[in-house]
Amino acid sequence: MKRRDFLKHSLVFVSGASVSLSALEFISVGDVLAARPEVRWGFLVDTYSCVGCGFCVKACKIENDIPMEANVTRTWVERYVTLKDGQVLADSPKGAREGFTTGKIDQAAEGMKEVPDAEIASAFFVPKLCNHCEKPPCVQVCPVGATYQTDDGAVLVDRKWCIGCGYCIMGCPYGVRFFHPTEHVADKCTFCYHRISQGMGTACTEACPFGARKIGNLRDPDDPITRVLLTQRVGVLKDEFGTKPQVFYLGLNKEVR
């Protein structure tokens, strides 16, 4: 019997699968800078600059061997359309791999919804990816240590240890994890750790023609990302979970789920 199969059959109970809400607090950039003088990776998404072209999604799939036709991806882009009556519509066809080529909004079982321009109050795009949380619930719930956090803050998956139990997928409040369609283990964005640890950029940041995605060192006060955090208003997704996401957004609207 393979090790993975043995662990699947022998695993009967896992405890401590939740994050205490007492961990909730807003990020203090000053505290981050004072913590240690080393590297702490952070990611900045500028929703004002994103045009929903999908280049980042394609680049990510190619770089990280995610089958192009598979309906899973490590990063994706969502389109939000707010109507004048207050209704909010959102879609992300195939993760926006081919961009948004039509004004019709994909409403899944309800089909494609055509919205007249006169009814639209605002529209914008929001790229999403793993948040590489400071307090990652996925690491807490993994029963075999396959999901782990590096000293510089990246949250990674060791495919050799992953038994495919799915606890990390269920434990992630951001829905960024999935089963790899050919490797059959948990998968997600890694900040292209194999690239950034060698001094390169991520595949998605290098593919973005508008500079809507940036990665940097939060412990370097001169890093472009740190300067933005110190001087501009940024937001994070679902801060109420207390996971302390390390992906920050410029222009994050309350409509974003």
C-alpha atoms as a PDB file:
ATOM      1  CA  MET A   1       0.000   0.000   0.000  1.00  0.00           C
ATOM      2  CA  LYS A   2       1.332   3.426  -0.927  1.00  0.00           C
ATOM      3  CA  ARG A   3       2.111   5.852   1.881  1.00  0.00           C
ATOM      4  CA  ARG A   4      -0.608   8.247   0.682  1.00  0.00           C
ATOM      5  CA  ASP A   5      -3.243   5.511   0.669  1.00  0.00           C
ATOM      6  CA  PHE A   6      -2.125   4.271   4.087  1.00  0.00           C
ATOM      7  CA  LEU A   7      -2.488   7.723   5.604  1.00  0.00           C
ATOM      8  CA  LYS A   8      -5.871   8.234   3.983  1.00  0.00           C
ATOM      9  CA  HIS A   9      -7.189   5.039   5.568  1.00  0.00           C
ATOM     10  CA  SER A  10      -5.512   5.481   8.948  1.00  0.00           C
ATOM     11  CA  LEU A  11      -6.568   9.125   9.416  1.00  0.00           C
ATOM     12  CA  VAL A  12      -9.680   9.182  11.596  1.00  0.00           C
ATOM     13  CA  PHE A  13      -9.856  12.541  13.366  1.00  0.00           C
ATOM     14  CA  VAL A  14      -8.399  16.029  13.173  1.00  0.00           C
ATOM     15  CA  SER A  15      -8.998  18.706  15.784  1.00  0.00           C
ATOM     16  CA  GLY A  16      -8.303  22.421  15.973  1.00  0.00           C
ATOM     17  CA  ALA A  17      -9.728  23.163  12.540  1.00  0.00           C
ATOM     18  CA  SER A  18     -10.785  26.723  13.221  1.00  0.00           C
ATOM     19  CA  VAL A  19      -9.256  30.157  13.599  1.00  0.00           C
ATOM     20  CA  SER A  20     -10.082  32.152  16.697  1.00  0.00           C
ATOM     21  CA  LEU A  21     -11.714  35.478  15.950  1.00  0.00           C
ATOM     22  CA  SER A  22      -9.613  36.895  18.766  1.00  0.00           C
ATOM     23  CA  ALA A  23      -6.818  36.922  16.193  1.00  0.00           C
ATOM     24  CA  LEU A  24      -8.614  39.667  14.291  1.00  0.00           C
ATOM     25  CA  GLU A  25      -6.682  42.910  13.988  1.00  0.00           C
ATOM     26  CA  PHE A  26      -5.785  45.301  11.230  1.00  0.00           C
ATOM     27  CA  ILE A  27      -2.279  45.286   9.817  1.00  0.00           C
ATOM     28  CA  SER A  28       0.165  47.835  11.166  1.00  0.00           C
ATOM     29  CA  VAL A  29       2.822  48.512   8.559  1.00  0.00           C
ATOM     30  CA  GLY A  30       5.086  49.899  11.277  1.00  0.00           C
ATOM     31  CA  ASP A  31       4.906  46.629  13.198  1.00  0.00           C
ATOM     32  CA  VAL A  32       5.702  44.663  10.064  1.00  0.00           C
ATOM     33  CA  LEU A  33       8.777  46.759   9.331  1.00  0.00           C
ATOM     34  CA  ALA A  34       9.973  46.503  12.922  1.00  0.00           C
ATOM     35  CA  ALA A  35       9.438  42.763  13.214  1.00  0.00           C
ATOM     36  CA  ARG A  36      12.616  41.555  11.475  1.00  0.00           C
ATOM     37  CA  PRO A  37      14.924  43.035   8.867  1.00  0.00           C
ATOM     38  CA  GLU A  38      14.497  40.026   6.567  1.00  0.00           C
ATOM     39  CA  VAL A  39      12.132  39.290   3.691  1.00  0.00           C
ATOM     40  CA  ARG A  40       8.358  39.071   4.082  1.00  0.00           C
ATOM     41  CA  TRP A  41       6.639  38.624   0.724  1.00  0.00           C
ATOM     42  CA  GLY A  42       3.558  40.687   0.035  1.00  0.00           C
ATOM     43  CA  PHE A  43       1.408  41.229  -3.035  1.00  0.00           C
ATOM     44  CA  LEU A  44      -0.335  44.367  -4.255  1.00  0.00           C
ATOM     45  CA  VAL A  45      -3.308  44.392  -6.648  1.00  0.00           C
ATOM     46  CA  ASP A  46      -4.346  47.688  -8.221  1.00  0.00           C
ATOM     47  CA  THR A  47      -7.968  47.274  -9.270  1.00  0.00           C
ATOM     48  CA  TYR A  48      -7.879  50.720 -10.879  1.00  0.00           C
ATOM     49  CA  SER A  49      -5.351  49.411 -13.419  1.00  0.00           C
ATOM     50  CA  CYS A  50      -6.784  45.939 -14.104  1.00  0.00           C
ATOM     51  CA  VAL A  51      -8.641  45.705 -17.434  1.00  0.00           C
ATOM     52  CA  GLY A  52      -9.581  42.020 -17.206  1.00  0.00           C
ATOM     53  CA  CYS A  53      -7.392  40.948 -20.146  1.00  0.00           C
ATOM     54  CA  GLY A  54      -6.636  37.544 -18.606  1.00  0.00           C
ATOM     55  CA  PHE A  55      -2.933  37.578 -19.528  1.00  0.00           C
ATOM     56  CA  CYS A  56      -2.048  36.872 -15.887  1.00  0.00           C
ATOM     57  CA  VAL A  57      -4.281  33.792 -15.793  1.00  0.00           C
ATOM     58  CA  LYS A  58      -2.728  32.303 -18.931  1.00  0.00           C
ATOM     59  CA  ALA A  59       0.808  33.031 -17.775  1.00  0.00           C
ATOM     60  CA  CYS A  60       0.132  31.406 -14.410  1.00  0.00           C
ATOM     61  CA  LYS A  61      -1.292  28.252 -15.990  1.00  0.00           C
ATOM     62  CA  ILE A  62       1.659  27.890 -18.346  1.00  0.00           C
ATOM     63  CA  GLU A  63       4.275  28.565 -15.673  1.00  0.00           C
ATOM     64  CA  ASN A  64       2.767  26.202 -13.101  1.00  0.00           C
ATOM     65  CA  ASP A  65       1.577  23.346 -15.322  1.00  0.00           C
ATOM     66  CA  ILE A  66      -2.136  23.790 -14.727  1.00  0.00           C
ATOM     67  CA  PRO A  67      -3.946  22.323 -17.777  1.00  0.00           C
ATOM     68  CA  MET A  68      -5.229  25.217 -19.874  1.00  0.00           C
ATOM     69  CA  GLU A  69      -8.675  23.689 -20.407  1.00  0.00           C
ATOM     70  CA  ALA A  70      -9.161  22.622 -16.790  1.00  0.00           C
ATOM     71  CA  ASN A  71     -11.768  24.665 -14.931  1.00  0.00           C
ATOM     72  CA  VAL A  72      -9.307  25.426 -12.111  1.00  0.00           C
ATOM     73  CA  THR A  73      -6.592  28.036 -11.878  1.00  0.00           C
ATOM     74  CA  ARG A  74      -4.191  29.449  -9.301  1.00  0.00           C
ATOM     75  CA  THR A  75      -5.233  33.008 -10.053  1.00  0.00           C
ATOM     76  CA  TRP A  76      -8.312  34.411 -11.708  1.00  0.00           C
ATOM     77  CA  VAL A  77     -10.071  37.703 -12.400  1.00  0.00           C
ATOM     78  CA  GLU A  78     -13.617  38.574 -11.410  1.00  0.00           C
ATOM     79  CA  ARG A  79     -15.783  41.211 -13.073  1.00  0.00           C
ATOM     80  CA  TYR A  80     -18.199  43.209 -10.933  1.00  0.00           C
ATOM     81  CA  VAL A  81     -21.033  45.230 -12.435  1.00  0.00           C
ATOM     82  CA  THR A  82     -23.129  47.426 -10.141  1.00  0.00           C
ATOM     83  CA  LEU A  83     -26.491  48.472 -11.512  1.00  0.00           C
ATOM     84  CA  LYS A  84     -28.173  51.770 -10.748  1.00  0.00           C
ATOM     85  CA  ASP A  85     -30.854  49.928  -8.773  1.00  0.00           C
ATOM     86  CA  GLY A  86     -28.154  48.617  -6.412  1.00  0.00           C
ATOM     87  CA  GLN A  87     -27.973  45.078  -7.802  1.00  0.00           C
ATOM     88  CA  VAL A  88     -24.458  43.644  -8.112  1.00  0.00           C
ATOM     89  CA  LEU A  89     -23.587  41.101 -10.807  1.00  0.00           C
ATOM     90  CA  ALA A  90     -20.311  39.197 -10.901  1.00  0.00           C
ATOM     91  CA  ASP A  91     -18.710  36.622 -13.158  1.00  0.00           C
ATOM     92  CA  SER A  92     -15.385  35.022 -14.035  1.00  0.00           C
ATOM     93  CA  PRO A  93     -15.792  32.799 -17.119  1.00  0.00           C
ATOM     94  CA  LYS A  94     -13.030  30.153 -17.062  1.00  0.00           C
ATOM     95  CA  GLY A  95     -11.253  32.348 -14.523  1.00  0.00           C
ATOM     96  CA  ALA A  96     -11.079  35.073 -17.192  1.00  0.00           C
ATOM     97  CA  ARG A  97      -8.454  33.003 -19.001  1.00  0.00           C
ATOM     98  CA  GLU A  98      -9.539  34.581 -22.293  1.00  0.00           C
ATOM     99  CA  GLY A  99     -10.449  37.903 -20.730  1.00  0.00           C
ATOM    100  CA  PHE A 100     -13.942  39.362 -20.918  1.00  0.00           C
ATOM    101  CA  THR A 101     -14.918  39.368 -24.559  1.00  0.00           C
ATOM    102  CA  THR A 102     -18.602  40.191 -24.170  1.00  0.00           C
ATOM    103  CA  GLY A 103     -20.700  42.634 -22.204  1.00  0.00           C
ATOM    104  CA  LYS A 104     -23.016  39.810 -21.179  1.00  0.00           C
ATOM    105  CA  ILE A 105     -22.619  38.666 -17.566  1.00  0.00           C
ATOM    106  CA  ASP A 106     -22.300  34.920 -17.002  1.00  0.00           C
ATOM    107  CA  GLN A 107     -24.849  34.012 -14.334  1.00  0.00           C
ATOM    108  CA  ALA A 108     -24.168  30.251 -14.361  1.00  0.00           C
ATOM    109  CA  ALA A 109     -27.463  28.339 -14.289  1.00  0.00           C
ATOM    110  CA  GLU A 110     -29.366  31.507 -15.173  1.00  0.00           C
ATOM    111  CA  GLY A 111     -27.366  31.894 -18.374  1.00  0.00           C
ATOM    112  CA  MET A 112     -25.841  35.005 -19.903  1.00  0.00           C
ATOM    113  CA  LYS A 113     -27.419  38.246 -18.712  1.00  0.00           C
ATOM    114  CA  GLU A 114     -27.314  41.227 -21.014  1.00  0.00           C
ATOM    115  CA  VAL A 115     -27.332  44.543 -19.191  1.00  0.00           C
ATOM    116  CA  PRO A 116     -27.951  47.811 -21.081  1.00  0.00           C
ATOM    117  CA  ASP A 117     -25.200  50.378 -20.569  1.00  0.00           C
ATOM    118  CA  ALA A 118     -27.774  52.874 -19.322  1.00  0.00           C
ATOM    119  CA  GLU A 119     -28.474  50.638 -16.295  1.00  0.00           C
ATOM    120  CA  ILE A 120     -24.832  50.314 -15.217  1.00  0.00           C
ATOM    121  CA  ALA A 121     -23.582  52.515 -12.391  1.00  0.00           C
ATOM    122  CA  SER A 122     -20.039  51.112 -12.261  1.00  0.00           C
ATOM    123  CA  ALA A 123     -17.939  48.164 -13.380  1.00  0.00           C
ATOM    124  CA  PHE A 124     -14.475  46.969 -12.382  1.00  0.00           C
ATOM    125  CA  PHE A 125     -12.181  43.921 -12.305  1.00  0.00           C
ATOM    126  CA  VAL A 126     -10.669  42.189  -9.270  1.00  0.00           C
ATOM    127  CA  PRO A 127      -7.783  39.709  -9.636  1.00  0.00           C
ATOM    128  CA  LYS A 128      -7.659  37.049  -6.934  1.00  0.00           C
ATOM    129  CA  LEU A 129      -5.043  34.574  -5.721  1.00  0.00           C
ATOM    130  CA  CYS A 130      -3.868  32.873  -2.550  1.00  0.00           C
ATOM    131  CA  ASN A 131      -3.490  35.487   0.194  1.00  0.00           C
ATOM    132  CA  HIS A 132      -0.493  33.783   1.853  1.00  0.00           C
ATOM    133  CA  CYS A 133      -1.998  34.660   5.208  1.00  0.00           C
ATOM    134  CA  GLU A 134       0.112  35.457   8.231  1.00  0.00           C
ATOM    135  CA  LYS A 135      -2.202  33.128  10.168  1.00  0.00           C
ATOM    136  CA  PRO A 136      -3.112  30.536   7.513  1.00  0.00           C
ATOM    137  CA  PRO A 137      -5.970  28.208   8.499  1.00  0.00           C
ATOM    138  CA  CYS A 138      -4.902  25.770   5.769  1.00  0.00           C
ATOM    139  CA  VAL A 139      -1.635  25.122   7.631  1.00  0.00           C
ATOM    140  CA  GLN A 140      -3.511  24.582  10.883  1.00  0.00           C
ATOM    141  CA  VAL A 141      -5.837  21.924   9.506  1.00  0.00           C
ATOM    142  CA  CYS A 142      -3.380  19.888   7.407  1.00  0.00           C
ATOM    143  CA  PRO A 143      -2.990  16.574   9.294  1.00  0.00           C
ATOM    144  CA  VAL A 144       0.359  15.601   7.734  1.00  0.00           C
ATOM    145  CA  GLY A 145       2.221  18.896   7.433  1.00  0.00           C
ATOM    146  CA  ALA A 146       2.018  18.970   3.649  1.00  0.00           C
ATOM    147  CA  THR A 147       0.835  22.575   3.763  1.00  0.00           C
ATOM    148  CA  TYR A 148       3.409  24.751   5.479  1.00  0.00           C
ATOM    149  CA  GLN A 149       4.621  28.335   5.810  1.00  0.00           C
ATOM    150  CA  THR A 150       8.137  29.456   4.930  1.00  0.00           C
ATOM    151  CA  ASP A 151      10.156  31.871   7.054  1.00  0.00           C
ATOM    152  CA  ASP A 152       9.558  34.604   4.477  1.00  0.00           C
ATOM    153  CA  GLY A 153       5.794  34.167   4.606  1.00  0.00           C
ATOM    154  CA  ALA A 154       4.898  32.041   1.583  1.00  0.00           C
ATOM    155  CA  VAL A 155       2.348  29.266   2.133  1.00  0.00           C
ATOM    156  CA  LEU A 156       3.263  26.206   0.083  1.00  0.00           C
ATOM    157  CA  VAL A 157       2.174  22.607  -0.535  1.00  0.00           C
ATOM    158  CA  ASP A 158       4.583  19.671  -0.518  1.00  0.00           C
ATOM    159  CA  ARG A 159       3.135  17.325  -3.130  1.00  0.00           C
ATOM    160  CA  LYS A 160       5.160  14.393  -1.813  1.00  0.00           C
ATOM    161  CA  TRP A 161       3.400  14.619   1.552  1.00  0.00           C
ATOM    162  CA  CYS A 162      -0.105  15.650   0.495  1.00  0.00           C
ATOM    163  CA  ILE A 163      -2.591  12.779   0.900  1.00  0.00           C
ATOM    164  CA  GLY A 164      -5.452  14.566  -0.854  1.00  0.00           C
ATOM    165  CA  CYS A 165      -7.730  14.681   2.190  1.00  0.00           C
ATOM    166  CA  GLY A 166      -9.100  18.105   1.198  1.00  0.00           C
ATOM    167  CA  TYR A 167      -9.054  19.631   4.695  1.00  0.00           C
ATOM    168  CA  CYS A 168      -7.015  22.607   3.499  1.00  0.00           C
ATOM    169  CA  ILE A 169      -9.418  23.202   0.622  1.00  0.00           C
ATOM    170  CA  MET A 170     -12.360  23.240   3.023  1.00  0.00           C
ATOM    171  CA  GLY A 171     -10.457  25.337   5.575  1.00  0.00           C
ATOM    172  CA  CYS A 172      -9.531  28.178   3.212  1.00  0.00           C
ATOM    173  CA  PRO A 173     -12.058  31.031   3.582  1.00  0.00           C
ATOM    174  CA  TYR A 174     -10.980  32.503   0.228  1.00  0.00           C
ATOM    175  CA  GLY A 175     -11.703  29.507  -1.987  1.00  0.00           C
ATOM    176  CA  VAL A 176      -8.243  29.618  -3.590  1.00  0.00           C
ATOM    177  CA  ARG A 177      -7.361  25.912  -3.228  1.00  0.00           C
ATOM    178  CA  PHE A 178      -8.293  23.068  -5.528  1.00  0.00           C
ATOM    179  CA  PHE A 179      -7.308  19.526  -6.440  1.00  0.00           C
ATOM    180  CA  HIS A 180      -4.777  19.472  -9.241  1.00  0.00           C
ATOM    181  CA  PRO A 181      -6.490  17.685 -12.157  1.00  0.00           C
ATOM    182  CA  THR A 182      -3.502  15.469 -12.994  1.00  0.00           C
ATOM    183  CA  GLU A 183      -1.392  15.382  -9.812  1.00  0.00           C
ATOM    184  CA  HIS A 184      -4.451  14.743  -7.588  1.00  0.00           C
ATOM    185  CA  VAL A 185      -3.076  16.759  -4.678  1.00  0.00           C
ATOM    186  CA  ALA A 186      -4.026  20.124  -3.204  1.00  0.00           C
ATOM    187  CA  ASP A 187      -2.826  23.057  -5.290  1.00  0.00           C
ATOM    188  CA  LYS A 188      -2.896  26.858  -5.200  1.00  0.00           C
ATOM    189  CA  CYS A 189      -0.884  29.987  -5.924  1.00  0.00           C
ATOM    190  CA  THR A 190       2.628  29.851  -4.476  1.00  0.00           C
ATOM    191  CA  PHE A 191       3.644  33.445  -5.326  1.00  0.00           C
ATOM    192  CA  CYS A 192       5.768  31.587  -7.940  1.00  0.00           C
ATOM    193  CA  TYR A 193       8.119  30.780  -5.075  1.00  0.00           C
ATOM    194  CA  HIS A 194      10.490  28.943  -7.403  1.00  0.00           C
ATOM    195  CA  ARG A 195      10.929  32.256  -9.237  1.00  0.00           C
ATOM    196  CA  ILE A 196      10.922  34.895  -6.490  1.00  0.00           C
ATOM    197  CA  SER A 197      13.403  32.902  -4.395  1.00  0.00           C
ATOM    198  CA  GLN A 198      15.785  33.260  -7.346  1.00  0.00           C
ATOM    199  CA  GLY A 199      15.285  37.012  -7.682  1.00  0.00           C
ATOM    200  CA  MET A 200      12.707  36.898 -10.482  1.00  0.00           C
ATOM    201  CA  GLY A 201       9.127  38.168 -10.566  1.00  0.00           C
ATOM    202  CA  THR A 202       6.023  36.030 -10.580  1.00  0.00           C
ATOM    203  CA  ALA A 203       4.613  34.856 -13.895  1.00  0.00           C
ATOM    204  CA  CYS A 204       1.456  36.916 -13.430  1.00  0.00           C
ATOM    205  CA  THR A 205       3.201  40.182 -12.532  1.00  0.00           C
ATOM    206  CA  GLU A 206       5.512  39.904 -15.523  1.00  0.00           C
ATOM    207  CA  ALA A 207       2.593  39.131 -17.843  1.00  0.00           C
ATOM    208  CA  CYS A 208       0.424  42.063 -16.712  1.00  0.00           C
ATOM    209  CA  PRO A 209       0.827  44.866 -19.275  1.00  0.00           C
ATOM    210  CA  PHE A 210      -0.687  47.505 -16.980  1.00  0.00           C
ATOM    211  CA  GLY A 211       1.189  46.971 -13.710  1.00  0.00           C
ATOM    212  CA  ALA A 212      -1.952  45.926 -11.863  1.00  0.00           C
ATOM    213  CA  ARG A 213      -0.087  43.193  -9.951  1.00  0.00           C
ATOM    214  CA  LYS A 214       3.122  43.622  -7.958  1.00  0.00           C
ATOM    215  CA  ILE A 215       5.082  41.512  -5.484  1.00  0.00           C
ATOM    216  CA  GLY A 216       7.615  42.827  -3.021  1.00  0.00           C
ATOM    217  CA  ASN A 217       9.247  42.716   0.394  1.00  0.00           C
ATOM    218  CA  LEU A 218       7.052  44.181   3.127  1.00  0.00           C
ATOM    219  CA  ARG A 219      10.044  44.538   5.428  1.00  0.00           C
ATOM    220  CA  ASP A 220      11.884  46.837   3.049  1.00  0.00           C
ATOM    221  CA  PRO A 221      10.726  50.426   3.648  1.00  0.00           C
ATOM    222  CA  ASP A 222      11.937  51.386   0.173  1.00  0.00           C
ATOM    223  CA  ASP A 223      10.059  48.625  -1.632  1.00  0.00           C
ATOM    224  CA  PRO A 224       7.358  50.049  -3.946  1.00  0.00           C
ATOM    225  CA  ILE A 225       4.690  47.933  -2.242  1.00  0.00           C
ATOM    226  CA  THR A 226       5.667  49.096   1.235  1.00  0.00           C
ATOM    227  CA  ARG A 227       5.587  52.721   0.111  1.00  0.00           C
ATOM    228  CA  VAL A 228       2.032  52.212  -1.170  1.00  0.00           C
ATOM    229  CA  LEU A 229       0.961  50.622   2.129  1.00  0.00           C
ATOM    230  CA  LEU A 230       2.433  53.531   4.066  1.00  0.00           C
ATOM    231  CA  THR A 231       0.946  56.289   1.924  1.00  0.00           C
ATOM    232  CA  GLN A 232      -2.295  55.026   0.406  1.00  0.00           C
ATOM    233  CA  ARG A 233      -5.503  53.397   1.530  1.00  0.00           C
ATOM    234  CA  VAL A 234      -5.466  49.665   0.866  1.00  0.00           C
ATOM    235  CA  GLY A 235      -7.803  46.823   1.777  1.00  0.00           C
ATOM    236  CA  VAL A 236      -7.728  43.060   2.216  1.00  0.00           C
ATOM    237  CA  LEU A 237     -10.350  40.422   1.529  1.00  0.00           C
ATOM    238  CA  LYS A 238     -12.447  39.059   4.398  1.00  0.00           C
ATOM    239  CA  ASP A 239     -10.430  40.652   7.195  1.00  0.00           C
ATOM    240  CA  GLU A 240     -13.120  39.493   9.630  1.00  0.00           C
ATOM    241  CA  PHE A 241     -11.589  35.999   9.597  1.00  0.00           C
ATOM    242  CA  GLY A 242      -8.435  37.235  11.308  1.00  0.00           C
ATOM    243  CA  THR A 243      -6.099  35.446   8.898  1.00  0.00           C
ATOM    244  CA  LYS A 244      -4.106  38.605   8.145  1.00  0.00           C
ATOM    245  CA  PRO A 245      -3.901  38.335   4.343  1.00  0.00           C
ATOM    246  CA  GLN A 246      -0.683  39.479   2.719  1.00  0.00           C
ATOM    247  CA  VAL A 247      -2.369  40.355  -0.567  1.00  0.00           C
ATOM    248  CA  PHE A 248      -3.430  43.999  -0.513  1.00  0.00           C
ATOM    249  CA  TYR A 249      -5.831  45.818  -2.810  1.00  0.00           C
ATOM    250  CA  LEU A 250      -6.000  49.356  -4.061  1.00  0.00           C
ATOM    251  CA  GLY A 251      -9.555  50.398  -4.860  1.00  0.00           C
ATOM    252  CA  LEU A 252     -11.254  47.465  -3.147  1.00  0.00           C
ATOM    253  CA  ASN A 253     -15.029  47.972  -3.220  1.00  0.00           C
ATOM    254  CA  LYS A 254     -17.445  46.679  -0.599  1.00  0.00           C
ATOM    255  CA  GLU A 255     -19.249  44.687  -3.302  1.00  0.00           C
ATOM    256  CA  VAL A 256     -16.300  42.315  -3.701  1.00  0.00           C
ATOM    257  CA  ARG A 257     -17.045  38.926  -2.189  1.00  0.00           C
END
